[in-house]
Protein backbone atom coordinates (compact mmCIF):
# COMPACT_ATOMS: atom_id res chain seq x y z
CA UNK A 1 0.32 0.03 -0.14
CA UNK A 2 1.27 3.52 -0.66
CA UNK A 3 2.12 5.97 1.72
CA UNK A 4 1.07 9.49 1.40
CA UNK A 5 2.52 12.57 2.88
CA UNK A 6 0.88 16.17 2.77
CA UNK A 7 3.37 18.69 3.62
CA UNK A 8 1.94 22.11 4.26
CA UNK A 9 3.45 25.73 5.08
CA UNK A 10 1.30 28.59 6.22
CA UNK A 11 3.21 29.74 9.40
CA UNK A 12 4.29 33.17 7.70
CA UNK A 13 3.81 33.74 3.71
CA UNK A 14 3.80 31.72 0.25
CA UNK A 15 0.99 29.18 1.74
CA UNK A 16 1.69 25.74 -0.51
CA UNK A 17 0.77 22.61 -0.23
CA UNK A 18 3.07 19.20 -1.49
CA UNK A 19 1.98 15.72 -1.66
CA UNK A 20 4.50 12.92 -1.91
CA UNK A 21 3.40 9.40 -2.75
CA UNK A 22 6.04 6.74 -1.67
CA UNK A 23 8.66 9.67 -1.64
CA UNK A 24 7.63 10.55 -5.12
CA UNK A 25 5.97 14.43 -5.50
CA UNK A 26 2.96 14.30 -7.39
CA UNK A 27 2.12 17.89 -6.72
CA UNK A 28 3.12 21.13 -5.14
CA UNK A 29 1.51 24.63 -5.79
CA UNK A 30 1.01 27.83 -3.91
CA UNK A 31 -1.96 29.13 -2.24
CA UNK A 32 -2.09 32.22 -4.43
CA UNK A 33 -2.33 31.15 -7.85
CA UNK A 34 -6.12 29.85 -6.76
CA UNK A 35 -7.39 32.07 -4.32
CA UNK A 36 -5.42 35.49 -6.09
CA UNK A 37 -3.91 36.73 -2.82
CA UNK A 38 -0.64 37.74 -3.13
CA UNK A 39 1.83 35.34 -1.15
CA UNK A 40 -1.64 33.35 -0.25
CA UNK A 41 -2.21 35.38 2.95
CA UNK A 42 -0.29 38.32 4.97
CA UNK A 43 2.09 36.95 7.37
CA UNK A 44 0.52 38.23 10.40
CA UNK A 45 0.78 36.81 13.77
CA UNK A 46 -3.63 35.47 13.97
CA UNK A 47 -2.67 33.58 10.82
CA UNK A 48 -0.78 30.61 11.04
CA UNK A 49 -3.62 28.63 11.03
CA UNK A 50 -5.46 29.51 8.21
CA UNK A 51 -4.64 26.60 5.65
CA UNK A 52 -4.08 26.71 2.24
CA UNK A 53 -7.21 25.01 1.47
CA UNK A 54 -7.51 25.10 -2.17
CA UNK A 55 -3.46 23.88 -2.69
CA UNK A 56 -4.51 21.10 -0.54
CA UNK A 57 -7.24 19.74 -2.23
CA UNK A 58 -5.30 20.42 -5.72
CA UNK A 59 -3.08 18.17 -4.55
CA UNK A 60 -5.66 15.49 -3.59
CA UNK A 61 -7.56 15.58 -6.17
CA UNK A 62 -4.71 15.15 -8.47
CA UNK A 63 -3.56 12.11 -6.57
CA UNK A 64 -7.14 10.48 -7.02
CA UNK A 65 -7.10 10.66 -3.05
CA UNK A 66 -9.16 12.36 0.13
CA UNK A 67 -7.22 13.65 3.14
CA UNK A 68 -8.48 10.27 4.79
CA UNK A 69 -6.10 8.64 2.86
CA UNK A 70 -3.01 10.38 3.79
CA UNK A 71 -0.51 8.81 6.53
CA UNK A 72 1.50 12.19 7.36
CA UNK A 73 0.82 15.95 7.40
CA UNK A 74 4.65 17.89 7.61
CA UNK A 75 4.39 21.26 8.97
CA UNK A 76 7.20 23.23 8.08
CA UNK A 77 7.55 25.16 11.81
CA UNK A 78 8.28 23.73 15.09
CA UNK A 79 6.95 25.66 18.23
CA UNK A 80 8.85 23.56 21.03
CA UNK A 81 11.82 25.45 18.88
CA UNK A 82 10.08 29.05 19.37
CA UNK A 83 8.93 28.26 22.58
CA UNK A 84 12.76 27.63 23.47
CA UNK A 85 14.47 29.89 21.30
CA UNK A 86 12.27 32.97 22.37
CA UNK A 87 12.98 32.23 26.13
CA UNK A 88 16.54 32.50 25.29
CA UNK A 89 16.17 35.61 23.14
CA UNK A 90 13.91 37.32 26.16
CA UNK A 91 16.52 35.85 28.48
CA UNK A 92 19.50 38.16 26.59
CA UNK A 93 17.22 41.18 26.12
CA UNK A 94 16.47 40.88 22.91
CA UNK A 95 12.57 42.18 21.21
CA UNK A 96 10.87 39.58 19.52
CA UNK A 97 10.74 40.60 15.41
CA UNK A 98 6.85 40.87 16.13
CA UNK A 99 6.71 44.22 17.65
CA UNK A 100 5.51 42.67 21.11
CA UNK A 101 5.98 40.13 23.50
CA UNK A 102 2.11 39.69 23.16
CA UNK A 103 2.24 39.36 19.33
CA UNK A 104 4.49 37.00 19.76
CA UNK A 105 2.12 34.89 22.27
CA UNK A 106 -0.56 35.30 19.89
CA UNK A 107 1.64 33.63 17.40
CA UNK A 108 2.41 30.70 19.46
CA UNK A 109 -1.37 30.36 20.58
CA UNK A 110 -2.87 30.68 16.95
CA UNK A 111 0.12 28.09 15.95
CA UNK A 112 -0.99 25.51 18.23
CA UNK A 113 -4.46 25.39 16.60
CA UNK A 114 -2.80 23.54 13.55
CA UNK A 115 -3.15 20.19 14.37
CA UNK A 116 -6.96 20.56 15.20
CA UNK A 117 -7.40 22.55 11.69
CA UNK A 118 -5.84 19.71 9.82
CA UNK A 119 -8.22 17.12 11.80
CA UNK A 120 -11.19 19.50 11.10
CA UNK A 121 -10.26 18.58 6.89
CA UNK A 122 -10.84 14.50 7.81
CA UNK A 123 -6.94 13.98 8.60
CA UNK A 124 -7.00 10.67 10.32
CA UNK A 125 -3.05 9.99 10.51
CA UNK A 126 -0.04 11.11 12.19
CA UNK A 127 0.92 15.37 12.59
CA UNK A 128 4.14 15.98 12.63
CA UNK A 129 5.72 19.53 13.27
CA UNK A 130 9.51 20.07 10.96
CA UNK A 131 11.01 23.27 11.90
CA UNK A 132 10.85 26.23 9.17
CA UNK A 133 15.10 25.87 8.78
CA UNK A 134 14.99 22.14 8.61
CA UNK A 135 12.23 22.41 5.95
CA UNK A 136 13.87 24.73 3.59
CA UNK A 137 17.19 22.17 3.77
CA UNK A 138 15.10 19.30 3.25
CA UNK A 139 13.39 20.77 0.02
CA UNK A 140 16.68 21.14 -1.56
CA UNK A 141 18.80 18.53 0.04
CA UNK A 142 16.56 15.85 -0.92
CA UNK A 143 15.15 17.31 -4.25
CA UNK A 144 18.52 17.33 -5.58
CA UNK A 145 20.37 14.31 -7.00
CA UNK A 146 23.47 14.93 -4.77
CA UNK A 147 24.00 11.83 -1.97
CA UNK A 148 26.56 14.58 0.13
CA UNK A 149 26.20 18.14 -0.28
CA UNK A 150 26.74 21.32 2.07
CA UNK A 151 23.19 23.00 2.50
CA UNK A 152 22.98 26.75 2.99
CA UNK A 153 19.65 27.98 4.12
CA UNK A 154 19.15 32.25 4.39
CA UNK A 155 16.21 34.25 4.37
CA UNK A 156 14.69 36.97 7.05
CA UNK A 157 13.14 34.59 9.52
CA UNK A 158 12.58 30.93 10.33
CA UNK A 159 10.87 29.70 13.10
CA UNK A 160 10.90 33.25 15.06
CA UNK A 161 14.44 33.09 15.85
CA UNK A 162 17.05 31.97 13.20
CA UNK A 163 17.60 34.08 10.08
CA UNK A 164 20.43 31.38 8.77
CA UNK A 165 20.85 27.69 9.44
CA UNK A 166 23.64 25.37 7.65
CA UNK A 167 24.18 21.63 7.28
CA UNK A 168 25.85 18.66 6.01
CA UNK A 169 23.72 16.34 3.43
CA UNK A 170 24.58 12.67 3.36
CA UNK A 171 22.51 10.22 2.15
CA UNK A 172 19.11 10.33 3.97
CA UNK A 173 20.23 12.50 6.63
CA UNK A 174 20.71 16.42 7.51
CA UNK A 175 23.57 16.91 9.80
CA UNK A 176 22.97 20.58 11.65
CA UNK A 177 26.46 22.48 11.26
CA UNK A 178 25.10 25.67 13.03
CA UNK A 179 22.56 28.69 12.99
CA UNK A 180 22.58 32.62 13.02
CA UNK A 181 20.22 34.06 15.48
CA UNK A 182 17.91 37.03 14.91
CA UNK A 183 18.46 40.10 14.77
CA UNK A 184 21.18 39.16 11.99
CA UNK A 185 18.81 38.39 9.03
CA UNK A 186 19.99 39.18 5.57
CA UNK A 187 16.20 38.76 4.55
CA UNK A 188 15.01 41.72 7.03
CA UNK A 189 17.66 43.55 5.55
CA UNK A 190 16.28 43.19 2.22
CA UNK A 191 12.73 43.89 3.33
CA UNK A 192 14.04 47.22 5.33
CA UNK A 193 15.80 48.74 2.42
CA UNK A 194 13.20 48.28 0.17
CA UNK A 195 10.69 49.98 2.39
CA UNK A 196 13.14 52.73 2.74
CA UNK A 197 13.89 52.83 -1.31
CA UNK A 198 9.95 53.30 -1.72
CA UNK A 199 8.87 49.57 -2.57
CA UNK A 200 7.09 47.12 -0.24
CA UNK A 201 8.49 44.56 1.81
CA UNK A 202 8.51 41.88 -0.63
CA UNK A 203 10.09 43.45 -3.19
CA UNK A 204 13.51 42.36 -3.33
CA UNK A 205 13.48 41.68 -6.93
CA UNK A 206 12.88 45.01 -7.44
CA UNK A 207 16.07 45.57 -5.87
CA UNK A 208 17.95 43.32 -7.81
CA UNK A 209 16.54 44.92 -11.21
CA UNK A 210 17.47 47.96 -9.87
CA UNK A 211 21.03 47.16 -8.58
CA UNK A 212 22.22 46.90 -11.89
CA UNK A 213 22.02 50.85 -12.35
CA UNK A 214 24.40 51.74 -9.58
CA UNK A 215 27.93 52.26 -8.61
CA UNK A 216 28.26 50.21 -5.03
CA UNK A 217 31.21 52.01 -4.21
CA UNK A 218 29.56 55.06 -3.22
CA UNK A 219 27.84 53.02 0.11
CA UNK A 220 29.55 50.15 0.48
CA UNK A 221 31.54 51.47 3.50
CA UNK A 222 27.32 52.14 4.58
CA UNK A 223 26.85 48.56 4.10
CA UNK A 224 29.94 47.34 6.03
CA UNK A 225 28.84 48.85 8.85
CA UNK A 226 25.84 47.43 8.98
CA UNK A 227 26.87 43.57 8.26
CA UNK A 228 29.90 41.81 9.45
CA UNK A 229 31.33 39.25 8.26
CA UNK A 230 32.59 36.94 11.20
CA UNK A 231 35.06 33.69 11.41
CA UNK A 232 33.96 30.02 10.44
CA UNK A 233 31.48 31.23 7.95
CA UNK A 234 28.95 33.60 10.15
CA UNK A 235 28.16 37.12 10.08
CA UNK A 236 26.62 39.78 12.40
CA UNK A 237 24.18 42.62 11.77
CA UNK A 238 23.87 46.20 13.86
CA UNK A 239 20.77 46.26 14.74
CA UNK A 240 21.24 49.48 17.02
CA UNK A 241 21.15 51.03 13.56
CA UNK A 242 18.62 48.83 11.55
CA UNK A 243 15.84 48.77 14.21
CA UNK A 244 14.06 45.34 13.14
CA UNK A 245 11.33 45.11 15.97
CA UNK A 246 10.49 48.72 14.73
CA UNK A 247 9.41 47.21 10.97
CA UNK A 248 5.64 47.02 10.80
CA UNK A 249 3.84 44.79 8.32
CA UNK A 250 0.78 45.63 7.76
CA UNK A 251 0.48 48.41 6.73
CA UNK A 252 4.52 48.75 6.09
CA UNK A 253 6.18 50.95 8.18
CA UNK A 254 9.48 51.07 9.64
CA UNK A 255 12.06 53.59 11.38
CA UNK A 256 14.59 54.99 8.63
CA UNK A 257 16.50 57.82 11.66
CA UNK A 258 19.72 55.68 11.35
CA UNK A 259 19.57 54.75 7.49
CA UNK A 260 18.75 58.34 6.49
CA UNK A 261 21.57 59.40 8.56
CA UNK A 262 23.92 57.16 7.24
CA UNK A 263 23.01 57.17 3.46
CA UNK A 264 22.65 61.01 3.28
CA UNK A 265 19.05 61.12 2.21
CA UNK A 266 15.38 60.55 3.30
CA UNK A 267 13.60 57.27 2.35
CA UNK A 268 12.00 57.44 -0.83
CA UNK A 269 8.60 57.84 -1.10
CA UNK A 270 6.77 55.16 -3.42
CA UNK A 271 5.67 58.27 -5.72
CA UNK A 272 9.16 59.95 -5.79
CA UNK A 273 11.78 59.63 -8.64
CA UNK A 274 14.28 57.07 -8.42
CA UNK A 275 17.85 58.99 -8.32
CA UNK A 276 21.36 57.66 -8.63
CA UNK A 277 21.45 57.43 -5.18
CA UNK A 278 18.77 54.75 -4.89
CA UNK A 279 20.20 53.11 -7.48
CA UNK A 280 23.52 53.06 -5.59
CA UNK A 281 22.49 52.11 -2.37
CA UNK A 282 20.31 49.08 -4.31
CA UNK A 283 23.90 48.28 -6.00
CA UNK A 284 26.13 48.28 -2.30
CA UNK A 285 23.39 46.04 -1.09
CA UNK A 286 23.54 43.63 -4.11
CA UNK A 287 27.40 43.59 -3.28
CA UNK A 288 27.32 43.08 0.35
CA UNK A 289 25.00 39.86 -0.10
CA UNK A 290 27.56 38.53 -2.95
CA UNK A 291 30.36 38.49 -0.81
CA UNK A 292 28.36 37.22 2.10
CA UNK A 293 27.17 34.32 0.74
CA UNK A 294 30.56 33.51 -0.84
CA UNK A 295 31.88 33.60 2.68
CA UNK A 296 29.41 31.06 3.74
CA UNK A 297 30.17 28.74 1.23
CA UNK A 298 34.15 28.97 1.27
CA UNK A 299 33.51 28.06 4.93
CA UNK A 300 31.18 25.25 4.28
CA UNK A 301 33.38 23.38 1.24
CA UNK A 302 36.43 23.96 4.10
CA UNK A 303 34.06 22.29 6.81
CA UNK A 304 32.04 19.13 4.91
CA UNK A 305 34.51 18.49 1.88
CA UNK A 306 31.63 18.24 -0.56
CA UNK A 307 31.99 19.18 -3.89
CA UNK A 308 28.07 19.80 -3.67
CA UNK A 309 25.87 22.55 -2.44
CA UNK A 310 22.05 23.22 -2.01
CA UNK A 311 20.90 26.73 -1.60
CA UNK A 312 17.50 27.26 -0.31
CA UNK A 313 15.85 30.54 1.63
CA UNK A 314 13.94 33.77 0.19
CA UNK A 315 17.74 34.81 -0.40
CA UNK A 316 18.54 31.54 -2.65
CA UNK A 317 15.88 33.66 -5.17
CA UNK A 318 18.60 36.34 -5.82
CA UNK A 319 19.86 34.91 -9.03
CA UNK A 320 23.00 37.26 -9.22
CA UNK A 321 24.34 36.49 -5.78
CA UNK A 322 23.72 32.73 -6.59
CA UNK A 323 26.04 32.68 -9.77
CA UNK A 324 28.93 34.81 -8.14
CA UNK A 325 29.11 32.59 -4.68
CA UNK A 326 28.92 29.65 -6.64
CA UNK A 327 31.78 30.64 -9.48
CA UNK A 328 33.85 31.90 -6.74
CA UNK A 329 32.97 29.13 -4.20
CA UNK A 330 35.33 25.71 -4.50
CA UNK A 331 31.70 24.06 -5.45
CA UNK A 332 31.67 21.81 -8.46
CA UNK A 333 27.85 21.57 -8.49
CA UNK A 334 24.93 23.31 -7.57
CA UNK A 335 21.53 22.93 -6.87
CA UNK A 336 18.75 25.29 -5.95
CA UNK A 337 14.63 24.07 -5.58
CA UNK A 338 12.51 26.20 -7.94
CA UNK A 339 10.36 27.27 -5.09
CA UNK A 340 12.94 28.05 -2.67
CA UNK A 341 11.20 30.71 -0.93
CA UNK A 342 8.42 29.67 1.55
CA UNK A 343 6.51 28.04 -0.56
CA UNK A 344 9.09 25.16 -0.65
CA UNK A 345 9.22 24.47 2.64
CA UNK A 346 5.83 22.31 1.91
CA UNK A 347 8.19 20.19 0.05
CA UNK A 348 10.75 20.08 2.41
CA UNK A 349 8.48 18.96 5.31
CA UNK A 350 6.89 15.83 3.51
CA UNK A 351 10.40 14.96 2.40
CA UNK A 352 11.69 15.05 6.22
CA UNK A 353 9.03 12.99 7.01
CA UNK A 354 9.67 10.53 4.44
CA UNK A 355 13.40 10.65 4.88
CA UNK A 356 14.24 12.23 8.58
CA UNK A 357 11.38 10.32 10.17
CA UNK A 358 10.39 7.28 8.58
CA UNK A 359 14.39 6.72 7.48
CA UNK A 360 13.51 5.83 3.94
CA UNK A 361 16.94 6.02 1.93
CA UNK A 362 15.39 6.13 -1.78
CA UNK A 363 15.37 9.35 -3.38
CA UNK A 364 13.46 10.77 -6.30
CA UNK A 365 15.32 14.62 -7.31
CA UNK A 366 13.22 17.15 -8.16
CA UNK A 367 13.89 18.03 -11.65
CA UNK A 368 10.57 19.69 -13.24
CA UNK A 369 9.21 22.85 -11.80
CA UNK A 370 5.45 21.84 -13.35
CA UNK A 371 3.71 20.16 -10.69
CA UNK A 372 0.46 22.47 -10.21
CA UNK A 373 -2.83 22.35 -12.43
CA UNK A 374 -3.30 21.43 -16.04
CA UNK A 375 -6.58 21.86 -18.50
CA UNK A 376 -7.36 20.10 -21.33
CA UNK A 377 -8.40 21.55 -24.63
CA UNK A 378 -12.33 20.96 -23.95
CA UNK A 379 -11.71 22.81 -20.77
CA UNK A 380 -9.84 25.72 -22.16
CA UNK A 381 -12.20 25.88 -25.03
CA UNK A 382 -15.46 26.39 -22.75
CA UNK A 383 -13.73 28.92 -20.80
CA UNK A 384 -13.48 31.13 -24.36
CA UNK A 385 -17.10 30.45 -24.88
CA UNK A 386 -18.18 31.56 -21.76
CA UNK A 387 -16.45 34.56 -22.64
CA UNK A 388 -18.09 34.74 -26.21
CA UNK A 389 -14.31 34.84 -27.42
CA UNK A 390 -13.12 33.28 -30.87
CA UNK A 391 -10.37 31.65 -31.59
CA UNK A 392 -8.53 29.59 -33.88
CA UNK A 393 -7.70 25.85 -33.32
CA UNK A 394 -4.05 25.64 -34.88
CA UNK A 395 -2.50 21.95 -35.92
CA UNK A 396 0.59 23.24 -34.60
CA UNK A 397 0.44 26.35 -31.95
CA UNK A 398 4.15 26.46 -31.17
CA UNK A 399 4.92 27.11 -34.34
CA UNK A 400 2.31 29.52 -34.84
CA UNK A 401 3.59 31.46 -31.57
CA UNK A 402 7.00 31.80 -33.12
CA UNK A 403 6.03 33.25 -36.20
CA UNK A 404 3.90 35.85 -34.14
CA UNK A 405 6.77 36.26 -31.82
CA UNK A 406 9.05 36.89 -34.82
CA UNK A 407 6.73 39.82 -35.84
CA UNK A 408 6.91 41.45 -32.79
CA UNK A 409 3.73 40.35 -31.35
CA UNK A 410 3.55 40.23 -27.54
CA UNK A 411 2.17 36.72 -26.63
CA UNK A 412 0.25 35.23 -23.74
CA UNK A 413 0.95 31.67 -23.26
CA UNK A 414 -1.03 29.02 -21.43
CA UNK A 415 0.22 25.35 -21.94
CA UNK A 416 0.10 22.33 -19.65
CA UNK A 417 0.87 21.85 -15.92
CA UNK A 418 1.44 25.11 -14.24
CA UNK A 419 5.01 25.97 -13.13
CA UNK A 420 6.28 26.13 -9.24
CA UNK A 421 7.91 28.59 -7.41
CA UNK A 422 7.81 32.50 -8.28
CA UNK A 423 9.23 32.93 -11.63
CA UNK A 424 7.16 32.01 -14.88
CA UNK A 425 9.07 29.51 -16.78
CA UNK A 426 6.93 28.78 -19.94
CA UNK A 427 3.98 27.15 -18.77
CA UNK A 428 2.23 30.91 -17.62
CA UNK A 429 4.44 33.43 -19.15
CA UNK A 430 4.20 36.44 -21.45
CA UNK A 431 6.50 36.10 -24.58
CA UNK A 432 7.61 38.21 -27.16
CA UNK A 433 10.81 39.00 -29.15
CA UNK A 434 14.25 39.74 -27.46
CA UNK A 435 15.73 41.58 -30.76
CA UNK A 436 13.33 44.55 -30.35
CA UNK A 437 14.99 47.42 -28.19
CA UNK A 438 12.06 49.03 -27.65
CA UNK A 439 10.26 45.67 -26.23
CA UNK A 440 11.20 46.58 -22.72
CA UNK A 441 9.56 49.54 -22.19
CA UNK A 442 6.38 48.43 -24.13
CA UNK A 443 5.99 45.23 -21.41
CA UNK A 444 6.41 47.25 -18.41
CA UNK A 445 4.46 50.17 -19.53
CA UNK A 446 1.75 49.03 -21.51
CA UNK A 447 1.90 45.58 -20.37
CA UNK A 448 2.96 44.99 -16.68
CA UNK A 449 2.36 48.43 -15.98
CA UNK A 450 5.76 48.32 -13.64
CA UNK A 451 8.96 50.26 -13.21
CA UNK A 452 10.94 51.26 -16.28
CA UNK A 453 14.26 49.48 -14.43
CA UNK A 454 12.12 45.78 -14.25
CA UNK A 455 14.29 43.19 -16.46
CA UNK A 456 12.76 40.34 -18.71
CA UNK A 457 14.05 37.18 -18.71
CA UNK A 458 15.86 35.01 -21.76
CA UNK A 459 14.47 31.91 -22.12
CA UNK A 460 17.51 29.88 -23.94
CA UNK A 461 17.31 26.41 -25.96
CA UNK A 462 19.58 24.35 -22.89
CA UNK A 463 21.78 22.99 -26.10
CA UNK A 464 22.54 26.76 -27.60
CA UNK A 465 22.89 28.70 -24.13
CA UNK A 466 26.56 28.22 -24.30
CA UNK A 467 27.00 29.69 -27.67
CA UNK A 468 25.34 33.33 -25.91
CA UNK A 469 25.74 33.37 -22.38
CA UNK A 470 29.51 33.28 -20.36
CA UNK A 471 28.71 30.18 -17.66
CA UNK A 472 31.77 29.09 -15.48
CA UNK A 473 29.62 26.02 -14.06
CA UNK A 474 26.74 24.25 -15.38
CA UNK A 475 23.97 24.08 -13.22
CA UNK A 476 20.39 23.23 -13.20
CA UNK A 477 19.34 26.58 -11.26
CA UNK A 478 19.13 27.88 -14.55
CA UNK A 479 16.41 25.47 -15.62
CA UNK A 480 14.60 27.53 -13.16
CA UNK A 481 15.58 31.20 -13.82
CA UNK A 482 17.66 31.13 -10.70
CA UNK A 483 21.16 32.36 -11.96
CA UNK A 484 21.95 35.43 -13.78
CA UNK A 485 25.11 35.61 -16.78
CA UNK A 486 26.70 37.94 -18.91
CA UNK A 487 26.08 37.55 -22.49
CA UNK A 488 28.80 37.19 -24.95
CA UNK A 489 30.23 40.23 -26.37
CA UNK A 490 29.05 39.21 -30.00
CA UNK A 491 25.56 38.10 -28.93
CA UNK A 492 25.11 40.97 -26.90
CA UNK A 493 23.43 43.57 -29.49
CA UNK A 494 21.01 40.88 -31.00
CA UNK A 495 18.87 40.72 -27.53
CA UNK A 496 18.76 43.74 -26.21
CA UNK A 497 15.32 43.28 -24.72
CA UNK A 498 16.46 40.36 -22.26
CA UNK A 499 19.56 42.14 -20.60
CA UNK A 500 20.20 43.98 -17.88
CA UNK A 501 22.02 47.44 -18.17
CA UNK A 502 24.73 45.41 -17.13
CA UNK A 503 24.87 42.83 -19.65
CA UNK A 504 23.87 39.82 -17.96
CA UNK A 505 20.09 37.95 -18.06
CA UNK A 506 18.40 36.13 -15.98
CA UNK A 507 18.33 33.10 -18.08
CA UNK A 508 16.07 30.04 -18.08
CA UNK A 509 17.43 26.96 -19.93
CA UNK A 510 14.69 25.08 -21.82
CA UNK A 511 15.17 21.36 -21.78
CA UNK A 512 12.99 19.20 -24.22
CA UNK A 513 12.49 16.49 -21.55
CA UNK A 514 11.26 18.81 -18.98
CA UNK A 515 8.87 21.48 -21.30
CA UNK A 516 8.57 19.88 -24.95
CA UNK A 517 6.13 22.34 -26.04
CA UNK A 518 7.86 25.53 -25.05
CA UNK A 519 10.88 23.75 -26.71
CA UNK A 520 9.24 23.90 -29.98
CA UNK A 521 8.27 27.96 -29.67
CA UNK A 522 11.86 28.43 -28.83
CA UNK A 523 13.21 26.28 -31.48
CA UNK A 524 10.70 27.24 -34.16
CA UNK A 525 11.51 30.88 -33.45
CA UNK A 526 15.61 29.78 -33.67
CA UNK A 527 14.82 28.72 -37.04
CA UNK A 528 12.81 31.90 -38.29
CA UNK A 529 15.16 34.24 -37.11
CA UNK A 530 18.75 32.51 -36.08
CA UNK A 531 18.11 33.50 -32.16
CA UNK A 532 17.97 30.43 -30.28
CA UNK A 533 15.51 32.55 -27.15
CA UNK A 534 12.63 34.15 -26.52
CA UNK A 535 11.74 36.87 -23.60
CA UNK A 536 9.70 35.38 -20.87
CA UNK A 537 7.88 37.29 -17.85
CA UNK A 538 5.30 35.89 -15.81
CA UNK A 539 1.47 36.31 -17.28
CA UNK A 540 0.14 38.18 -14.54
CA UNK A 541 -0.19 42.06 -14.10
CA UNK A 542 -0.11 43.44 -10.43
CA UNK A 543 -1.23 40.10 -9.15
CA UNK A 544 -0.86 36.39 -8.50
CA UNK A 545 0.90 34.79 -11.68
CA UNK A 546 -2.04 33.01 -13.12
CA UNK A 547 -3.40 29.26 -12.65
CA UNK A 548 -6.66 29.17 -14.80
CA UNK A 549 -7.73 29.51 -18.14
CA UNK A 550 -10.43 31.89 -16.49
CA UNK A 551 -7.37 33.99 -15.31
CA UNK A 552 -5.52 33.65 -18.37
CA UNK A 553 -8.39 35.42 -20.50
CA UNK A 554 -8.79 37.87 -17.74
CA UNK A 555 -5.22 39.23 -17.85
CA UNK A 556 -5.24 39.03 -21.77
CA UNK A 557 -8.28 41.08 -21.97
CA UNK A 558 -7.14 43.75 -19.57
CA UNK A 559 -3.90 44.29 -21.00
CA UNK A 560 -2.26 45.07 -24.17
CA UNK A 561 -1.28 41.29 -24.98
CA UNK A 562 -1.68 41.02 -28.82
CA UNK A 563 -2.65 37.57 -28.57
CA UNK A 564 -3.33 34.32 -26.34
CA UNK A 565 -1.95 30.98 -27.37
CA UNK A 566 -3.90 28.28 -24.72
CA UNK A 567 -4.12 25.00 -25.32
CA UNK A 568 -4.50 24.40 -29.22
CA UNK A 569 -6.39 27.89 -29.72
CA UNK A 570 -5.08 31.31 -30.50
CA UNK A 571 -7.46 34.29 -29.46
CA UNK A 572 -6.32 37.84 -30.98
CA UNK A 573 -7.73 41.07 -29.42
CA UNK A 574 -10.68 42.28 -30.64
CA UNK A 575 -12.34 38.62 -31.32
CA UNK A 576 -15.46 38.72 -29.97
CA UNK A 577 -18.50 36.63 -31.37
């Protein structure tokens, strides 16, 4: 009889669910794709028990089972660990990041409600708490192809106490090496500076994009005051200057008094123009993060002797840091899971139950990110008819899309199972011609309605990537758009729409065995143009990435996307019946 393990994350944000059958991934999906609320829910002290009901239901439906058939539930936090570590923080006079100890108690109270909430769904099996950073580590190591690997988890905070954790994975065991404790948090520093620069707490990706326009040397000294690298791969932040405990999440606010003095400028209002100073702050933060992660990796290599490394946590979504740290470290191989943020802890909680608690040795690496819902042509056609849209059915939609892109059209592309993680990977994507220098402005202004500096990714045929980008060490992290590489000098001018101002691109390598239809689009475009890549950005507009045919149609109609390629059907603007 098969063993089913359901992994759940809902403690902070990026609510998600995952289902394993005998250790094999059946489905993993984020709640935001269903409920259309960014990050699934707010990260509040009174919401840990708000389960990702839609995600759970999808996972069960995918397997054709009910929750009564599930043997274990793994939940990606550990309240006992929180209680013990919080007691230590209080004893040392360190204020809770929740701004008050009353909030901290509320958080623990609502967290304690989780098992009962799962039972109310009909679950009759064994419930297991799995630590937040342990879940992150498990999501990377057990999903990787490595039998031996150093594992770095680095984010804002986990289990309300730790901000980074290092492990050594050997066979099916994860051995803890050391942790870094709050308030020494790189993730919180990115959140704070996001607010300082006039963005939201969740806008680290904007800072990465802005950084390419800046000069880090102007503020490198300030960042050196804020972050200090210490012995044995550790680091310290100056919370007397940063005041993390004064960050308020809803509505977002923070104390910028010290930062304004250090940077010599006032915190930017969201509506104010961006200046060179803002760009330079972003660049200094990016450079410091690069050096910090490399500092940790160098120590982990010395400590473990492994040739392999796995990364997880929100900071592992930083494609610039990933490339810098990996290529300058002694490690030969790198694995980063598609959902390296908190959404991935659902995978880790389930995987840890299978390997760490049940002691199962058989590993099933997670090569494919396409783990979400899929829809039949019948489902799609019904949705098109419900909106009164005219459409044509194509025998080769991939070639048709390639032709349209080559003619400068912007195409919404909806195919197969939805991708997991924050990056669109060719199942729920907007595609365009990378050769058009003005395409970035067109998409940012007319389609995505976002800032001028936001970059777009090149989706590149895997077999051609080395002809177009400088890659010192190959890694599967490129499959998930988690690495940024410089374009080769002789190709830069041919693909201006997908390169940062510094000549790098946040690439996605597209493999035929993982995404055959998307691979065919790019191959066909290559035949037409001599360019083996297309511009790819997420199929959304100030909202979570689309999930269903109805979502796709809605976003298509409200934006200036020219065509919608959905299943085997093609819709153009103005095609109403």
